[in-house]
Amino acid sequence: MNPSNERPPLPDHLSVDPRSPHHVAAVFEHSVGIRFNSKERADVEEYCISEGWIKVPAGKTVDRKGQPLMIKLKGTVEVFYR
């Protein structure tokens, strides 16, 4: 494995959901921060830097499978390790 000071590069498209094809477990071993339109957000479930969007839960609303409904917000996305 990587030494503790080496971190994997942050991907362009990343999802928190382990069922997603865009989930990279190695990235989540470190604390990741996301800045959306110059404001740091802690509720982001998925992002895409090149397309400029994030997905966040729509309040407490869930679908029939119990997963939170997501809203896609468009803007400037910056991702960094804390």
N, C-alpha and C. Protein backbone atom coordinates (compact mmCIF):
# COMPACT_ATOMS: atom_id res chain seq x y z
N MET A 1 0.84 -1.19 0.00
CA MET A 1 0.00 0.00 0.00
C MET A 1 0.88 1.25 0.00
N ASN A 2 0.24 2.37 -0.11
CA ASN A 2 0.96 3.65 -0.13
C ASN A 2 1.40 4.03 1.28
N PRO A 3 2.54 4.65 1.42
CA PRO A 3 2.91 5.21 2.72
C PRO A 3 1.89 6.28 3.10
N SER A 4 1.81 6.62 4.36
CA SER A 4 0.78 7.54 4.84
C SER A 4 0.87 8.94 4.23
N ASN A 5 2.07 9.35 3.77
CA ASN A 5 2.19 10.69 3.21
C ASN A 5 1.80 10.74 1.73
N GLU A 6 1.68 9.60 1.05
CA GLU A 6 1.28 9.58 -0.35
C GLU A 6 -0.22 9.38 -0.45
N ARG A 7 -0.84 10.23 -1.26
CA ARG A 7 -2.29 10.14 -1.45
C ARG A 7 -2.57 9.88 -2.92
N PRO A 8 -3.60 9.10 -3.23
CA PRO A 8 -3.94 8.87 -4.63
C PRO A 8 -4.44 10.17 -5.26
N PRO A 9 -4.25 10.34 -6.56
CA PRO A 9 -4.76 11.56 -7.20
C PRO A 9 -6.28 11.60 -7.14
N LEU A 10 -6.82 12.80 -6.98
CA LEU A 10 -8.27 12.95 -6.92
C LEU A 10 -8.86 12.81 -8.33
N PRO A 11 -9.85 11.94 -8.50
CA PRO A 11 -10.43 11.74 -9.82
C PRO A 11 -11.33 12.91 -10.23
N ASP A 12 -11.61 12.99 -11.52
CA ASP A 12 -12.50 14.02 -12.06
C ASP A 12 -13.94 13.80 -11.62
N HIS A 13 -14.35 12.54 -11.50
CA HIS A 13 -15.72 12.17 -11.13
C HIS A 13 -15.63 11.19 -9.97
N LEU A 14 -16.25 11.52 -8.84
CA LEU A 14 -16.15 10.67 -7.65
C LEU A 14 -17.50 10.58 -6.96
N SER A 15 -17.83 9.39 -6.45
CA SER A 15 -19.08 9.16 -5.75
C SER A 15 -18.81 8.53 -4.39
N VAL A 16 -19.62 8.88 -3.41
CA VAL A 16 -19.53 8.31 -2.07
C VAL A 16 -20.14 6.91 -2.03
N ASP A 17 -21.12 6.66 -2.88
CA ASP A 17 -21.85 5.39 -2.91
C ASP A 17 -20.96 4.25 -3.41
N PRO A 18 -20.71 3.21 -2.60
CA PRO A 18 -19.83 2.11 -3.02
C PRO A 18 -20.39 1.31 -4.20
N ARG A 19 -21.67 1.42 -4.50
CA ARG A 19 -22.26 0.69 -5.64
C ARG A 19 -22.00 1.40 -6.96
N SER A 20 -21.56 2.64 -6.91
CA SER A 20 -21.34 3.43 -8.11
C SER A 20 -20.04 3.03 -8.80
N PRO A 21 -20.01 3.08 -10.14
CA PRO A 21 -18.74 2.81 -10.84
C PRO A 21 -17.72 3.93 -10.64
N HIS A 22 -18.13 5.06 -10.07
CA HIS A 22 -17.23 6.19 -9.84
C HIS A 22 -16.72 6.24 -8.40
N HIS A 23 -16.91 5.18 -7.65
CA HIS A 23 -16.44 5.11 -6.26
C HIS A 23 -15.00 4.59 -6.25
N VAL A 24 -14.10 5.33 -5.60
CA VAL A 24 -12.69 4.94 -5.46
C VAL A 24 -12.39 4.87 -3.97
N ALA A 25 -12.32 3.66 -3.43
CA ALA A 25 -12.16 3.48 -1.99
C ALA A 25 -10.85 4.06 -1.46
N ALA A 26 -9.79 4.03 -2.24
CA ALA A 26 -8.48 4.54 -1.79
C ALA A 26 -8.53 6.03 -1.49
N VAL A 27 -9.36 6.78 -2.19
CA VAL A 27 -9.47 8.22 -1.95
C VAL A 27 -10.12 8.48 -0.59
N PHE A 28 -11.08 7.64 -0.20
CA PHE A 28 -11.81 7.86 1.05
C PHE A 28 -11.04 7.43 2.28
N GLU A 29 -9.83 6.92 2.11
CA GLU A 29 -8.98 6.64 3.26
C GLU A 29 -8.42 7.94 3.84
N HIS A 30 -8.55 9.03 3.10
CA HIS A 30 -8.08 10.35 3.52
C HIS A 30 -9.28 11.29 3.55
N SER A 31 -9.17 12.37 4.27
CA SER A 31 -10.25 13.35 4.34
C SER A 31 -10.24 14.22 3.08
N VAL A 32 -11.39 14.27 2.40
CA VAL A 32 -11.54 15.03 1.16
C VAL A 32 -12.45 16.21 1.40
N GLY A 33 -12.05 17.37 0.91
CA GLY A 33 -12.87 18.57 1.00
C GLY A 33 -13.35 18.99 -0.37
N ILE A 34 -14.56 19.56 -0.42
CA ILE A 34 -15.13 20.01 -1.68
C ILE A 34 -15.60 21.44 -1.52
N ARG A 35 -15.12 22.30 -2.42
CA ARG A 35 -15.52 23.70 -2.44
C ARG A 35 -16.40 23.89 -3.67
N PHE A 36 -17.63 24.36 -3.47
CA PHE A 36 -18.57 24.58 -4.57
C PHE A 36 -18.92 26.06 -4.60
N ASN A 37 -18.62 26.71 -5.71
CA ASN A 37 -18.83 28.16 -5.86
C ASN A 37 -18.19 28.93 -4.70
N SER A 38 -16.95 28.60 -4.39
CA SER A 38 -16.13 29.23 -3.35
C SER A 38 -16.65 29.04 -1.94
N LYS A 39 -17.52 28.06 -1.72
CA LYS A 39 -18.04 27.76 -0.39
C LYS A 39 -17.84 26.27 -0.12
N GLU A 40 -17.23 25.94 1.02
CA GLU A 40 -16.97 24.54 1.33
C GLU A 40 -18.26 23.84 1.73
N ARG A 41 -18.48 22.65 1.15
CA ARG A 41 -19.70 21.87 1.41
C ARG A 41 -19.32 20.53 2.02
N ALA A 42 -20.12 20.07 2.98
CA ALA A 42 -19.86 18.78 3.62
C ALA A 42 -20.91 17.73 3.25
N ASP A 43 -21.94 18.12 2.49
CA ASP A 43 -23.04 17.21 2.19
C ASP A 43 -23.02 16.66 0.77
N VAL A 44 -21.89 16.74 0.08
CA VAL A 44 -21.80 16.31 -1.31
C VAL A 44 -21.69 14.78 -1.39
N GLU A 45 -22.55 14.17 -2.21
CA GLU A 45 -22.55 12.72 -2.41
C GLU A 45 -21.76 12.33 -3.66
N GLU A 46 -21.73 13.21 -4.66
CA GLU A 46 -21.05 12.91 -5.92
C GLU A 46 -20.66 14.23 -6.57
N TYR A 47 -19.55 14.22 -7.31
CA TYR A 47 -19.15 15.44 -8.02
C TYR A 47 -18.50 15.09 -9.35
N CYS A 48 -18.46 16.08 -10.25
CA CYS A 48 -17.73 15.98 -11.51
C CYS A 48 -17.11 17.34 -11.76
N ILE A 49 -15.79 17.41 -11.75
CA ILE A 49 -15.08 18.68 -11.91
C ILE A 49 -15.21 19.20 -13.34
N SER A 50 -14.99 18.33 -14.34
CA SER A 50 -14.98 18.78 -15.73
C SER A 50 -16.35 19.27 -16.20
N GLU A 51 -17.42 18.66 -15.71
CA GLU A 51 -18.77 19.09 -16.10
C GLU A 51 -19.32 20.16 -15.17
N GLY A 52 -18.69 20.38 -14.02
CA GLY A 52 -19.06 21.45 -13.10
C GLY A 52 -20.36 21.22 -12.37
N TRP A 53 -20.52 20.06 -11.70
CA TRP A 53 -21.72 19.81 -10.92
C TRP A 53 -21.41 18.98 -9.69
N ILE A 54 -22.33 19.06 -8.72
CA ILE A 54 -22.30 18.21 -7.53
C ILE A 54 -23.71 17.67 -7.32
N LYS A 55 -23.81 16.57 -6.60
CA LYS A 55 -25.12 16.03 -6.22
C LYS A 55 -25.19 16.03 -4.70
N VAL A 56 -26.28 16.60 -4.18
CA VAL A 56 -26.51 16.66 -2.74
C VAL A 56 -27.90 16.10 -2.44
N PRO A 57 -28.11 15.58 -1.22
CA PRO A 57 -29.44 15.05 -0.88
C PRO A 57 -30.49 16.17 -0.84
N ALA A 58 -31.71 15.81 -1.23
CA ALA A 58 -32.83 16.76 -1.23
C ALA A 58 -33.57 16.64 0.10
N GLY A 59 -32.99 17.19 1.14
CA GLY A 59 -33.61 17.14 2.47
C GLY A 59 -33.70 15.72 2.99
N LYS A 60 -34.85 15.38 3.57
CA LYS A 60 -35.05 14.04 4.13
C LYS A 60 -35.82 13.13 3.19
N THR A 61 -36.06 13.57 1.97
CA THR A 61 -36.82 12.80 0.99
C THR A 61 -36.02 11.58 0.54
N VAL A 62 -36.69 10.41 0.52
CA VAL A 62 -36.05 9.18 0.06
C VAL A 62 -36.88 8.54 -1.04
N ASP A 63 -36.22 7.71 -1.85
CA ASP A 63 -36.95 6.99 -2.88
C ASP A 63 -37.53 5.70 -2.29
N ARG A 64 -38.16 4.89 -3.12
CA ARG A 64 -38.83 3.69 -2.61
C ARG A 64 -37.86 2.63 -2.10
N LYS A 65 -36.58 2.77 -2.41
CA LYS A 65 -35.57 1.83 -1.90
C LYS A 65 -34.88 2.36 -0.65
N GLY A 66 -35.30 3.52 -0.18
CA GLY A 66 -34.73 4.10 1.03
C GLY A 66 -33.51 4.96 0.81
N GLN A 67 -33.12 5.17 -0.45
CA GLN A 67 -31.96 6.01 -0.76
C GLN A 67 -32.40 7.47 -0.86
N PRO A 68 -31.59 8.41 -0.40
CA PRO A 68 -31.98 9.82 -0.49
C PRO A 68 -32.07 10.28 -1.94
N LEU A 69 -33.06 11.14 -2.21
CA LEU A 69 -33.17 11.74 -3.54
C LEU A 69 -32.10 12.81 -3.67
N MET A 70 -31.48 12.89 -4.85
CA MET A 70 -30.37 13.81 -5.08
C MET A 70 -30.79 14.97 -5.98
N ILE A 71 -30.19 16.11 -5.71
CA ILE A 71 -30.35 17.30 -6.54
C ILE A 71 -28.99 17.60 -7.15
N LYS A 72 -28.97 17.88 -8.45
CA LYS A 72 -27.72 18.23 -9.13
C LYS A 72 -27.62 19.75 -9.18
N LEU A 73 -26.52 20.28 -8.63
CA LEU A 73 -26.26 21.72 -8.65
C LEU A 73 -25.07 21.98 -9.56
N LYS A 74 -25.19 23.01 -10.41
CA LYS A 74 -24.11 23.33 -11.34
C LYS A 74 -23.36 24.57 -10.88
N GLY A 75 -22.05 24.53 -11.05
CA GLY A 75 -21.19 25.66 -10.67
C GLY A 75 -19.73 25.24 -10.72
N THR A 76 -18.90 25.99 -10.02
CA THR A 76 -17.46 25.72 -9.99
C THR A 76 -17.16 24.74 -8.85
N VAL A 77 -16.49 23.64 -9.21
CA VAL A 77 -16.17 22.58 -8.24
C VAL A 77 -14.66 22.52 -8.05
N GLU A 78 -14.21 22.60 -6.78
CA GLU A 78 -12.82 22.43 -6.43
C GLU A 78 -12.73 21.33 -5.38
N VAL A 79 -11.81 20.39 -5.57
CA VAL A 79 -11.65 19.26 -4.66
C VAL A 79 -10.24 19.26 -4.12
N PHE A 80 -10.08 18.93 -2.84
CA PHE A 80 -8.76 18.97 -2.22
C PHE A 80 -8.72 17.99 -1.05
N TYR A 81 -7.50 17.59 -0.68
CA TYR A 81 -7.30 16.81 0.54
C TYR A 81 -7.14 17.77 1.70
N ARG A 82 -7.72 17.40 2.82
CA ARG A 82 -7.58 18.22 4.03
C ARG A 82 -6.32 17.85 4.77
